[in-house]
Amino acid sequence: SGCTASTYCPNDPVTRGQMAVFIVRARFGLTAGQTFPAGMAP
């Protein structure tokens, strides 16, 4: 949904945390706000 409500920040480096969100959403066809099962213990 962007880095802000109106921008994407195309030149910013991607963090490993952000990358996880993008990869998982892409793999499972998820959109922002959708949940999925994942292990509870870190």
Full PDB file with SEQRES, HELIX, SHEET, SSBOND, CRYST1, ORIGX, SCALE, CONECT and MASTER records, all heavy atoms in Angstrom:
SEQRES   1 A   42  SER GLY CYS THR ALA SER THR TYR CYS PRO ASN ASP PRO          
SEQRES   2 A   42  VAL THR ARG GLY GLN MET ALA VAL PHE ILE VAL ARG ALA          
SEQRES   3 A   42  ARG PHE GLY LEU THR ALA GLY GLN THR PHE PRO ALA GLY          
SEQRES   4 A   42  MET ALA PRO                                                  
HELIX    1 AA1 ARG A   16  PHE A   28  1                                  13    
SSBOND   1 CYS A    3    CYS A    9                          1555   1555  1.93  
CRYST1    1.000    1.000    1.000  90.00  90.00  90.00 P 1           1          
ORIGX1      1.000000  0.000000  0.000000        0.00000                         
ORIGX2      0.000000  1.000000  0.000000        0.00000                         
ORIGX3      0.000000  0.000000  1.000000        0.00000                         
SCALE1      1.000000  0.000000  0.000000        0.00000                         
SCALE2      0.000000  1.000000  0.000000        0.00000                         
SCALE3      0.000000  0.000000  1.000000        0.00000                         
ATOM      1  N   SER A   1       0.845  -1.195   0.000  1.00  0.00           N  
ATOM      2  CA  SER A   1       0.000   0.000   0.000  1.00  0.00           C  
ATOM      3  C   SER A   1       0.879   1.243   0.000  1.00  0.00           C  
ATOM      4  O   SER A   1       0.377   2.357   0.154  1.00  0.00           O  
ATOM      5  CB  SER A   1      -0.932  -0.001   1.219  1.00  0.00           C  
ATOM      6  OG  SER A   1      -0.187  -0.136   2.416  1.00  0.00           O  
ATOM      7  N   GLY A   2       2.203   1.039  -0.168  1.00  0.00           N  
ATOM      8  CA  GLY A   2       3.137   2.159  -0.220  1.00  0.00           C  
ATOM      9  C   GLY A   2       3.877   2.357   1.081  1.00  0.00           C  
ATOM     10  O   GLY A   2       3.646   1.664   2.072  1.00  0.00           O  
ATOM     11  N   CYS A   3       4.781   3.322   1.080  1.00  0.00           N  
ATOM     12  CA  CYS A   3       5.530   3.640   2.310  1.00  0.00           C  
ATOM     13  C   CYS A   3       4.806   4.709   3.123  1.00  0.00           C  
ATOM     14  O   CYS A   3       5.045   4.873   4.311  1.00  0.00           O  
ATOM     15  CB  CYS A   3       6.949   4.081   1.964  1.00  0.00           C  
ATOM     16  SG  CYS A   3       7.042   5.546   0.911  1.00  0.00           S  
ATOM     17  N   THR A   4       3.923   5.464   2.441  1.00  0.00           N  
ATOM     18  CA  THR A   4       2.991   6.378   3.108  1.00  0.00           C  
ATOM     19  C   THR A   4       1.647   6.210   2.397  1.00  0.00           C  
ATOM     20  O   THR A   4       1.509   5.392   1.486  1.00  0.00           O  
ATOM     21  CB  THR A   4       3.435   7.862   2.999  1.00  0.00           C  
ATOM     22  OG1 THR A   4       3.256   8.313   1.649  1.00  0.00           O  
ATOM     23  CG2 THR A   4       4.895   8.037   3.407  1.00  0.00           C  
ATOM     24  N   ALA A   5       0.687   7.011   2.767  1.00  0.00           N  
ATOM     25  CA  ALA A   5      -0.635   6.901   2.156  1.00  0.00           C  
ATOM     26  C   ALA A   5      -0.618   7.272   0.678  1.00  0.00           C  
ATOM     27  O   ALA A   5      -1.492   6.842  -0.078  1.00  0.00           O  
ATOM     28  CB  ALA A   5      -1.624   7.796   2.903  1.00  0.00           C  
ATOM     29  N   SER A   6       0.386   8.026   0.238  1.00  0.00           N  
ATOM     30  CA  SER A   6       0.383   8.494  -1.153  1.00  0.00           C  
ATOM     31  C   SER A   6       1.689   8.223  -1.908  1.00  0.00           C  
ATOM     32  O   SER A   6       1.766   8.487  -3.103  1.00  0.00           O  
ATOM     33  CB  SER A   6       0.088   9.990  -1.204  1.00  0.00           C  
ATOM     34  OG  SER A   6       1.076  10.722  -0.497  1.00  0.00           O  
ATOM     35  N   THR A   7       2.709   7.687  -1.234  1.00  0.00           N  
ATOM     36  CA  THR A   7       4.002   7.467  -1.883  1.00  0.00           C  
ATOM     37  C   THR A   7       4.461   6.017  -1.747  1.00  0.00           C  
ATOM     38  O   THR A   7       4.010   5.281  -0.865  1.00  0.00           O  
ATOM     39  CB  THR A   7       5.084   8.388  -1.308  1.00  0.00           C  
ATOM     40  OG1 THR A   7       5.225   8.124   0.101  1.00  0.00           O  
ATOM     41  CG2 THR A   7       4.733   9.846  -1.520  1.00  0.00           C  
ATOM     42  N   TYR A   8       5.390   5.640  -2.648  1.00  0.00           N  
ATOM     43  CA  TYR A   8       5.930   4.280  -2.647  1.00  0.00           C  
ATOM     44  C   TYR A   8       7.391   4.222  -2.204  1.00  0.00           C  
ATOM     45  O   TYR A   8       7.840   3.191  -1.726  1.00  0.00           O  
ATOM     46  CB  TYR A   8       5.797   3.677  -4.052  1.00  0.00           C  
ATOM     47  CG  TYR A   8       6.329   2.259  -4.133  1.00  0.00           C  
ATOM     48  CD1 TYR A   8       5.585   1.188  -3.643  1.00  0.00           C  
ATOM     49  CD2 TYR A   8       7.582   2.003  -4.682  1.00  0.00           C  
ATOM     50  CE1 TYR A   8       6.069  -0.107  -3.697  1.00  0.00           C  
ATOM     51  CE2 TYR A   8       8.077   0.709  -4.746  1.00  0.00           C  
ATOM     52  CZ  TYR A   8       7.322  -0.342  -4.250  1.00  0.00           C  
ATOM     53  OH  TYR A   8       7.812  -1.626  -4.305  1.00  0.00           O  
ATOM     54  N   CYS A   9       8.131   5.323  -2.354  1.00  0.00           N  
ATOM     55  CA  CYS A   9       9.557   5.371  -1.997  1.00  0.00           C  
ATOM     56  C   CYS A   9      10.375   4.356  -2.791  1.00  0.00           C  
ATOM     57  O   CYS A   9      11.019   3.473  -2.224  1.00  0.00           O  
ATOM     58  CB  CYS A   9       9.750   5.140  -0.505  1.00  0.00           C  
ATOM     59  SG  CYS A   9       8.813   6.236   0.576  1.00  0.00           S  
ATOM     60  N   PRO A  10      10.371   4.449  -4.134  1.00  0.00           N  
ATOM     61  CA  PRO A  10      11.010   3.437  -4.962  1.00  0.00           C  
ATOM     62  C   PRO A  10      12.515   3.331  -4.801  1.00  0.00           C  
ATOM     63  O   PRO A  10      13.093   2.277  -5.092  1.00  0.00           O  
ATOM     64  CB  PRO A  10      10.647   3.859  -6.387  1.00  0.00           C  
ATOM     65  CG  PRO A  10      10.425   5.335  -6.287  1.00  0.00           C  
ATOM     66  CD  PRO A  10       9.784   5.532  -4.951  1.00  0.00           C  
ATOM     67  N   ASN A  11      13.161   4.396  -4.314  1.00  0.00           N  
ATOM     68  CA  ASN A  11      14.618   4.383  -4.192  1.00  0.00           C  
ATOM     69  C   ASN A  11      15.107   3.980  -2.807  1.00  0.00           C  
ATOM     70  O   ASN A  11      16.314   3.834  -2.591  1.00  0.00           O  
ATOM     71  CB  ASN A  11      15.193   5.758  -4.549  1.00  0.00           C  
ATOM     72  CG  ASN A  11      14.896   6.148  -5.984  1.00  0.00           C  
ATOM     73  OD1 ASN A  11      14.948   5.309  -6.882  1.00  0.00           O  
ATOM     74  ND2 ASN A  11      14.568   7.411  -6.201  1.00  0.00           N  
ATOM     75  N   ASP A  12      14.179   3.765  -1.872  1.00  0.00           N  
ATOM     76  CA  ASP A  12      14.574   3.346  -0.534  1.00  0.00           C  
ATOM     77  C   ASP A  12      14.988   1.879  -0.531  1.00  0.00           C  
ATOM     78  O   ASP A  12      14.414   1.062  -1.264  1.00  0.00           O  
ATOM     79  CB  ASP A  12      13.404   3.517   0.452  1.00  0.00           C  
ATOM     80  CG  ASP A  12      13.178   4.963   0.832  1.00  0.00           C  
ATOM     81  OD1 ASP A  12      13.915   5.840   0.328  1.00  0.00           O  
ATOM     82  OD2 ASP A  12      12.252   5.218   1.629  1.00  0.00           O  
ATOM     83  N   PRO A  13      15.982   1.518   0.287  1.00  0.00           N  
ATOM     84  CA  PRO A  13      16.351   0.103   0.391  1.00  0.00           C  
ATOM     85  C   PRO A  13      15.259  -0.693   1.104  1.00  0.00           C  
ATOM     86  O   PRO A  13      14.548  -0.157   1.967  1.00  0.00           O  
ATOM     87  CB  PRO A  13      17.641   0.127   1.209  1.00  0.00           C  
ATOM     88  CG  PRO A  13      17.568   1.402   1.999  1.00  0.00           C  
ATOM     89  CD  PRO A  13      16.841   2.384   1.129  1.00  0.00           C  
ATOM     90  N   VAL A  14      15.118  -1.947   0.739  1.00  0.00           N  
ATOM     91  CA  VAL A  14      14.121  -2.826   1.361  1.00  0.00           C  
ATOM     92  C   VAL A  14      14.733  -3.491   2.584  1.00  0.00           C  
ATOM     93  O   VAL A  14      15.828  -4.055   2.507  1.00  0.00           O  
ATOM     94  CB  VAL A  14      13.664  -3.915   0.371  1.00  0.00           C  
ATOM     95  CG1 VAL A  14      12.651  -4.840   1.024  1.00  0.00           C  
ATOM     96  CG2 VAL A  14      13.090  -3.296  -0.872  1.00  0.00           C  
ATOM     97  N   THR A  15      14.040  -3.448   3.705  1.00  0.00           N  
ATOM     98  CA  THR A  15      14.519  -4.147   4.889  1.00  0.00           C  
ATOM     99  C   THR A  15      14.095  -5.619   4.830  1.00  0.00           C  
ATOM    100  O   THR A  15      13.194  -5.987   4.082  1.00  0.00           O  
ATOM    101  CB  THR A  15      13.972  -3.524   6.182  1.00  0.00           C  
ATOM    102  OG1 THR A  15      12.553  -3.759   6.259  1.00  0.00           O  
ATOM    103  CG2 THR A  15      14.250  -2.029   6.235  1.00  0.00           C  
ATOM    104  N   ARG A  16      14.730  -6.431   5.646  1.00  0.00           N  
ATOM    105  CA  ARG A  16      14.385  -7.853   5.686  1.00  0.00           C  
ATOM    106  C   ARG A  16      12.959  -8.060   6.223  1.00  0.00           C  
ATOM    107  O   ARG A  16      12.272  -9.002   5.838  1.00  0.00           O  
ATOM    108  CB  ARG A  16      15.398  -8.605   6.549  1.00  0.00           C  
ATOM    109  CG  ARG A  16      16.759  -8.746   5.881  1.00  0.00           C  
ATOM    110  CD  ARG A  16      17.810  -9.290   6.846  1.00  0.00           C  
ATOM    111  NE  ARG A  16      17.429 -10.562   7.422  1.00  0.00           N  
ATOM    112  CZ  ARG A  16      17.682 -11.756   6.876  1.00  0.00           C  
ATOM    113  NH1 ARG A  16      18.318 -11.827   5.723  1.00  0.00           N  
ATOM    114  NH2 ARG A  16      17.317 -12.867   7.488  1.00  0.00           N  
ATOM    115  N   GLY A  17      12.516  -7.164   7.091  1.00  0.00           N  
ATOM    116  CA  GLY A  17      11.153  -7.256   7.589  1.00  0.00           C  
ATOM    117  C   GLY A  17      10.134  -6.943   6.515  1.00  0.00           C  
ATOM    118  O   GLY A  17       9.159  -7.668   6.324  1.00  0.00           O  
ATOM    119  N   GLN A  18      10.352  -5.855   5.793  1.00  0.00           N  
ATOM    120  CA  GLN A  18       9.457  -5.485   4.699  1.00  0.00           C  
ATOM    121  C   GLN A  18       9.424  -6.571   3.626  1.00  0.00           C  
ATOM    122  O   GLN A  18       8.366  -6.917   3.109  1.00  0.00           O  
ATOM    123  CB  GLN A  18       9.929  -4.170   4.074  1.00  0.00           C  
ATOM    124  CG  GLN A  18       9.810  -2.959   4.971  1.00  0.00           C  
ATOM    125  CD  GLN A  18      10.542  -1.752   4.414  1.00  0.00           C  
ATOM    126  OE1 GLN A  18      11.409  -1.886   3.547  1.00  0.00           O  
ATOM    127  NE2 GLN A  18      10.211  -0.577   4.920  1.00  0.00           N  
ATOM    128  N   MET A  19      10.601  -7.111   3.322  1.00  0.00           N  
ATOM    129  CA  MET A  19      10.699  -8.146   2.302  1.00  0.00           C  
ATOM    130  C   MET A  19       9.843  -9.354   2.668  1.00  0.00           C  
ATOM    131  O   MET A  19       9.184  -9.952   1.810  1.00  0.00           O  
ATOM    132  CB  MET A  19      12.171  -8.553   2.142  1.00  0.00           C  
ATOM    133  CG  MET A  19      12.459  -9.680   1.172  1.00  0.00           C  
ATOM    134  SD  MET A  19      12.273 -11.303   1.943  1.00  0.00           S  
ATOM    135  CE  MET A  19      13.401 -11.152   3.329  1.00  0.00           C  
ATOM    136  N   ALA A  20       9.813  -9.717   3.949  1.00  0.00           N  
ATOM    137  CA  ALA A  20       9.003 -10.851   4.386  1.00  0.00           C  
ATOM    138  C   ALA A  20       7.527 -10.616   4.091  1.00  0.00           C  
ATOM    139  O   ALA A  20       6.810 -11.515   3.638  1.00  0.00           O  
ATOM    140  CB  ALA A  20       9.207 -11.107   5.883  1.00  0.00           C  
ATOM    141  N   VAL A  21       7.059  -9.402   4.328  1.00  0.00           N  
ATOM    142  CA  VAL A  21       5.656  -9.060   4.061  1.00  0.00           C  
ATOM    143  C   VAL A  21       5.357  -9.208   2.565  1.00  0.00           C  
ATOM    144  O   VAL A  21       4.366  -9.842   2.178  1.00  0.00           O  
ATOM    145  CB  VAL A  21       5.350  -7.618   4.519  1.00  0.00           C  
ATOM    146  CG1 VAL A  21       3.913  -7.249   4.163  1.00  0.00           C  
ATOM    147  CG2 VAL A  21       5.578  -7.479   6.022  1.00  0.00           C  
ATOM    148  N   PHE A  22       6.211  -8.643   1.732  1.00  0.00           N  
ATOM    149  CA  PHE A  22       5.984  -8.687   0.286  1.00  0.00           C  
ATOM    150  C   PHE A  22       5.998 -10.118  -0.246  1.00  0.00           C  
ATOM    151  O   PHE A  22       5.153 -10.498  -1.065  1.00  0.00           O  
ATOM    152  CB  PHE A  22       7.043  -7.853  -0.435  1.00  0.00           C  
ATOM    153  CG  PHE A  22       7.004  -6.392  -0.101  1.00  0.00           C  
ATOM    154  CD1 PHE A  22       8.167  -5.677   0.116  1.00  0.00           C  
ATOM    155  CD2 PHE A  22       5.797  -5.721   0.008  1.00  0.00           C  
ATOM    156  CE1 PHE A  22       8.128  -4.321   0.413  1.00  0.00           C  
ATOM    157  CE2 PHE A  22       5.747  -4.370   0.311  1.00  0.00           C  
ATOM    158  CZ  PHE A  22       6.926  -3.663   0.518  1.00  0.00           C  
ATOM    159  N   ILE A  23       6.958 -10.924   0.201  1.00  0.00           N  
ATOM    160  CA  ILE A  23       7.082 -12.302  -0.299  1.00  0.00           C  
ATOM    161  C   ILE A  23       5.877 -13.142   0.120  1.00  0.00           C  
ATOM    162  O   ILE A  23       5.286 -13.872  -0.693  1.00  0.00           O  
ATOM    163  CB  ILE A  23       8.377 -12.950   0.210  1.00  0.00           C  
ATOM    164  CG1 ILE A  23       9.599 -12.296  -0.436  1.00  0.00           C  
ATOM    165  CG2 ILE A  23       8.373 -14.461  -0.061  1.00  0.00           C  
ATOM    166  CD1 ILE A  23       9.801 -12.609  -1.893  1.00  0.00           C  
ATOM    167  N   VAL A  24       5.478 -13.053   1.371  1.00  0.00           N  
ATOM    168  CA  VAL A  24       4.366 -13.870   1.866  1.00  0.00           C  
ATOM    169  C   VAL A  24       3.054 -13.443   1.220  1.00  0.00           C  
ATOM    170  O   VAL A  24       2.251 -14.291   0.803  1.00  0.00           O  
ATOM    171  CB  VAL A  24       4.284 -13.804   3.404  1.00  0.00           C  
ATOM    172  CG1 VAL A  24       3.007 -14.480   3.908  1.00  0.00           C  
ATOM    173  CG2 VAL A  24       5.509 -14.485   4.019  1.00  0.00           C  
ATOM    174  N   ARG A  25       2.815 -12.146   1.109  1.00  0.00           N  
ATOM    175  CA  ARG A  25       1.587 -11.684   0.442  1.00  0.00           C  
ATOM    176  C   ARG A  25       1.551 -12.155  -1.010  1.00  0.00           C  
ATOM    177  O   ARG A  25       0.512 -12.605  -1.502  1.00  0.00           O  
ATOM    178  CB  ARG A  25       1.498 -10.164   0.502  1.00  0.00           C  
ATOM    179  CG  ARG A  25       1.023  -9.617   1.845  1.00  0.00           C  
ATOM    180  CD  ARG A  25       0.929  -8.106   1.802  1.00  0.00           C  
ATOM    181  NE  ARG A  25       0.471  -7.546   3.072  1.00  0.00           N  
ATOM    182  CZ  ARG A  25       0.564  -6.266   3.393  1.00  0.00           C  
ATOM    183  NH1 ARG A  25       1.082  -5.406   2.530  1.00  0.00           N  
ATOM    184  NH2 ARG A  25       0.146  -5.832   4.564  1.00  0.00           N  
ATOM    185  N   ALA A  26       2.691 -12.037  -1.707  1.00  0.00           N  
ATOM    186  CA  ALA A  26       2.736 -12.452  -3.108  1.00  0.00           C  
ATOM    187  C   ALA A  26       2.513 -13.953  -3.241  1.00  0.00           C  
ATOM    188  O   ALA A  26       1.767 -14.399  -4.118  1.00  0.00           O  
ATOM    189  CB  ALA A  26       4.074 -12.051  -3.729  1.00  0.00           C  
ATOM    190  N   ARG A  27       3.120 -14.742  -2.396  1.00  0.00           N  
ATOM    191  CA  ARG A  27       3.026 -16.202  -2.495  1.00  0.00           C  
ATOM    192  C   ARG A  27       1.606 -16.696  -2.284  1.00  0.00           C  
ATOM    193  O   ARG A  27       1.130 -17.605  -2.979  1.00  0.00           O  
ATOM    194  CB  ARG A  27       3.965 -16.853  -1.485  1.00  0.00           C  
ATOM    195  CG  ARG A  27       3.986 -18.386  -1.554  1.00  0.00           C  
ATOM    196  CD  ARG A  27       4.905 -18.970  -0.505  1.00  0.00           C  
ATOM    197  NE  ARG A  27       4.887 -20.421  -0.509  1.00  0.00           N  
ATOM    198  CZ  ARG A  27       5.848 -21.195  -1.008  1.00  0.00           C  
ATOM    199  NH1 ARG A  27       6.901 -20.645  -1.576  1.00  0.00           N  
ATOM    200  NH2 ARG A  27       5.756 -22.510  -0.949  1.00  0.00           N  
ATOM    201  N   PHE A  28       0.894 -16.094  -1.317  1.00  0.00           N  
ATOM    202  CA  PHE A  28      -0.433 -16.579  -0.963  1.00  0.00           C  
ATOM    203  C   PHE A  28      -1.575 -15.724  -1.501  1.00  0.00           C  
ATOM    204  O   PHE A  28      -2.744 -16.004  -1.221  1.00  0.00           O  
ATOM    205  CB  PHE A  28      -0.554 -16.700   0.553  1.00  0.00           C  
ATOM    206  CG  PHE A  28       0.326 -17.756   1.155  1.00  0.00           C  
ATOM    207  CD1 PHE A  28       1.460 -17.418   1.865  1.00  0.00           C  
ATOM    208  CD2 PHE A  28       0.040 -19.102   0.966  1.00  0.00           C  
ATOM    209  CE1 PHE A  28       2.285 -18.389   2.406  1.00  0.00           C  
ATOM    210  CE2 PHE A  28       0.850 -20.085   1.513  1.00  0.00           C  
ATOM    211  CZ  PHE A  28       1.982 -19.730   2.222  1.00  0.00           C  
ATOM    212  N   GLY A  29      -1.265 -14.686  -2.259  1.00  0.00           N  
ATOM    213  CA  GLY A  29      -2.311 -13.835  -2.816  1.00  0.00           C  
ATOM    214  C   GLY A  29      -3.039 -13.043  -1.748  1.00  0.00           C  
ATOM    215  O   GLY A  29      -4.253 -12.819  -1.866  1.00  0.00           O  
ATOM    216  N   LEU A  30      -2.332 -12.599  -0.739  1.00  0.00           N  
ATOM    217  CA  LEU A  30      -2.931 -11.855   0.363  1.00  0.00           C  
ATOM    218  C   LEU A  30      -2.888 -10.357   0.091  1.00  0.00           C  
ATOM    219  O   LEU A  30      -2.019  -9.866  -0.624  1.00  0.00           O  
ATOM    220  CB  LEU A  30      -2.181 -12.143   1.665  1.00  0.00           C  
ATOM    221  CG  LEU A  30      -2.091 -13.600   2.106  1.00  0.00           C  
ATOM    222  CD1 LEU A  30      -1.152 -13.728   3.299  1.00  0.00           C  
ATOM    223  CD2 LEU A  30      -3.470 -14.133   2.451  1.00  0.00           C  
ATOM    224  N   THR A  31      -3.813  -9.644   0.662  1.00  0.00           N  
ATOM    225  CA  THR A  31      -3.801  -8.192   0.604  1.00  0.00           C  
ATOM    226  C   THR A  31      -3.661  -7.652   2.020  1.00  0.00           C  
ATOM    227  O   THR A  31      -3.771  -8.394   3.002  1.00  0.00           O  
ATOM    228  CB  THR A  31      -5.092  -7.642  -0.021  1.00  0.00           C  
ATOM    229  OG1 THR A  31      -6.219  -8.094   0.736  1.00  0.00           O  
ATOM    230  CG2 THR A  31      -5.228  -8.104  -1.465  1.00  0.00           C  
ATOM    231  N   ALA A  32      -3.386  -6.367   2.131  1.00  0.00           N  
ATOM    232  CA  ALA A  32      -3.189  -5.735   3.433  1.00  0.00           C  
ATOM    233  C   ALA A  32      -4.381  -6.000   4.347  1.00  0.00           C  
ATOM    234  O   ALA A  32      -5.528  -5.843   3.939  1.00  0.00           O  
ATOM    235  CB  ALA A  32      -2.962  -4.239   3.262  1.00  0.00           C  
ATOM    236  N   GLY A  33      -4.103  -6.425   5.562  1.00  0.00           N  
ATOM    237  CA  GLY A  33      -5.151  -6.691   6.535  1.00  0.00           C  
ATOM    238  C   GLY A  33      -5.570  -8.140   6.626  1.00  0.00           C  
ATOM    239  O   GLY A  33      -6.180  -8.541   7.616  1.00  0.00           O  
ATOM    240  N   GLN A  34      -5.283  -8.943   5.607  1.00  0.00           N  
ATOM    241  CA  GLN A  34      -5.630 -10.358   5.657  1.00  0.00           C  
ATOM    242  C   GLN A  34      -4.676 -11.111   6.575  1.00  0.00           C  
ATOM    243  O   GLN A  34      -3.471 -10.844   6.582  1.00  0.00           O  
ATOM    244  CB  GLN A  34      -5.590 -10.970   4.253  1.00  0.00           C  
ATOM    245  CG  GLN A  34      -6.760 -10.582   3.377  1.00  0.00           C  
ATOM    246  CD  GLN A  34      -6.784 -11.366   2.075  1.00  0.00           C  
ATOM    247  OE1 GLN A  34      -5.942 -11.154   1.211  1.00  0.00           O  
ATOM    248  NE2 GLN A  34      -7.731 -12.258   1.938  1.00  0.00           N  
ATOM    249  N   THR A  35      -5.211 -12.044   7.315  1.00  0.00           N  
ATOM    250  CA  THR A  35      -4.411 -12.816   8.253  1.00  0.00           C  
ATOM    251  C   THR A  35      -4.235 -14.250   7.761  1.00  0.00           C  
ATOM    252  O   THR A  35      -4.933 -14.694   6.839  1.00  0.00           O  
ATOM    253  CB  THR A  35      -5.060 -12.834   9.642  1.00  0.00           C  
ATOM    254  OG1 THR A  35      -6.376 -13.421   9.550  1.00  0.00           O  
ATOM    255  CG2 THR A  35      -5.195 -11.426  10.199  1.00  0.00           C  
ATOM    256  N   PHE A  36      -3.342 -14.971   8.399  1.00  0.00           N  
ATOM    257  CA  PHE A  36      -3.047 -16.352   8.027  1.00  0.00           C  
ATOM    258  C   PHE A  36      -2.421 -17.038   9.226  1.00  0.00           C  
ATOM    259  O   PHE A  36      -1.885 -16.384  10.130  1.00  0.00           O  
ATOM    260  CB  PHE A  36      -2.083 -16.382   6.825  1.00  0.00           C  
ATOM    261  CG  PHE A  36      -0.857 -15.529   7.019  1.00  0.00           C  
ATOM    262  CD1 PHE A  36       0.289 -16.044   7.620  1.00  0.00           C  
ATOM    263  CD2 PHE A  36      -0.850 -14.197   6.624  1.00  0.00           C  
ATOM    264  CE1 PHE A  36       1.403 -15.261   7.813  1.00  0.00           C  
ATOM    265  CE2 PHE A  36       0.269 -13.403   6.819  1.00  0.00           C  
ATOM    266  CZ  PHE A  36       1.399 -13.935   7.410  1.00  0.00           C  
ATOM    267  N   PRO A  37      -2.485 -18.365   9.298  1.00  0.00           N  
ATOM    268  CA  PRO A  37      -1.909 -19.073  10.441  1.00  0.00           C  
ATOM    269  C   PRO A  37      -0.389 -19.064  10.410  1.00  0.00           C  
ATOM    270  O   PRO A  37       0.222 -19.189   9.347  1.00  0.00           O  
ATOM    271  CB  PRO A  37      -2.453 -20.497  10.265  1.00  0.00           C  
ATOM    272  CG  PRO A  37      -2.720 -20.624   8.805  1.00  0.00           C  
ATOM    273  CD  PRO A  37      -3.169 -19.266   8.352  1.00  0.00           C  
ATOM    274  N   ALA A  38       0.209 -18.885  11.563  1.00  0.00           N  
ATOM    275  CA  ALA A  38       1.668 -18.932  11.711  1.00  0.00           C  
ATOM    276  C   ALA A  38       1.976 -19.325  13.145  1.00  0.00           C  
ATOM    277  O   ALA A  38       1.162 -19.099  14.046  1.00  0.00           O  
ATOM    278  CB  ALA A  38       2.297 -17.589  11.371  1.00  0.00           C  
ATOM    279  N   GLY A  39       3.134 -19.908  13.351  1.00  0.00           N  
ATOM    280  CA  GLY A  39       3.517 -20.348  14.692  1.00  0.00           C  
ATOM    281  C   GLY A  39       3.458 -19.224  15.711  1.00  0.00           C  
ATOM    282  O   GLY A  39       3.846 -18.091  15.413  1.00  0.00           O  
ATOM    283  N   MET A  40       2.975 -19.518  16.904  1.00  0.00           N  
ATOM    284  CA  MET A  40       2.823 -18.498  17.939  1.00  0.00           C  
ATOM    285  C   MET A  40       4.109 -18.267  18.725  1.00  0.00           C  
ATOM    286  O   MET A  40       4.355 -17.167  19.222  1.00  0.00           O  
ATOM    287  CB  MET A  40       1.701 -18.902  18.895  1.00  0.00           C  
ATOM    288  CG  MET A  40       0.334 -19.007  18.235  1.00  0.00           C  
ATOM    289  SD  MET A  40      -0.220 -17.417  17.532  1.00  0.00           S  
ATOM    290  CE  MET A  40      -0.463 -16.465  19.025  1.00  0.00           C  
ATOM    291  N   ALA A  41       4.929 -19.307  18.872  1.00  0.00           N  
ATOM    292  CA  ALA A  41       6.184 -19.170  19.608  1.00  0.00           C  
ATOM    293  C   ALA A  41       7.245 -18.592  18.684  1.00  0.00           C  
ATOM    294  O   ALA A  41       7.513 -19.153  17.617  1.00  0.00           O  
ATOM    295  CB  ALA A  41       6.634 -20.521  20.142  1.00  0.00           C  
ATOM    296  N   PRO A  42       7.866 -17.463  19.034  1.00  0.00           N  
ATOM    297  CA  PRO A  42       8.837 -16.817  18.135  1.00  0.00           C  
ATOM    298  C   PRO A  42       9.991 -17.746  17.762  1.00  0.00           C  
ATOM    299  O   PRO A  42      10.554 -18.434  18.612  1.00  0.00           O  
ATOM    300  CB  PRO A  42       9.336 -15.629  18.949  1.00  0.00           C  
ATOM    301  CG  PRO A  42       8.234 -15.338  19.927  1.00  0.00           C  
ATOM    302  CD  PRO A  42       7.652 -16.677  20.260  1.00  0.00           C  
TER     303      PRO A  42                                                      
CONECT   16   59                                                                
CONECT   59   16                                                                
MASTER        0    0    0    1    0    0    0    6  302    1    2    4          
END                                                                             
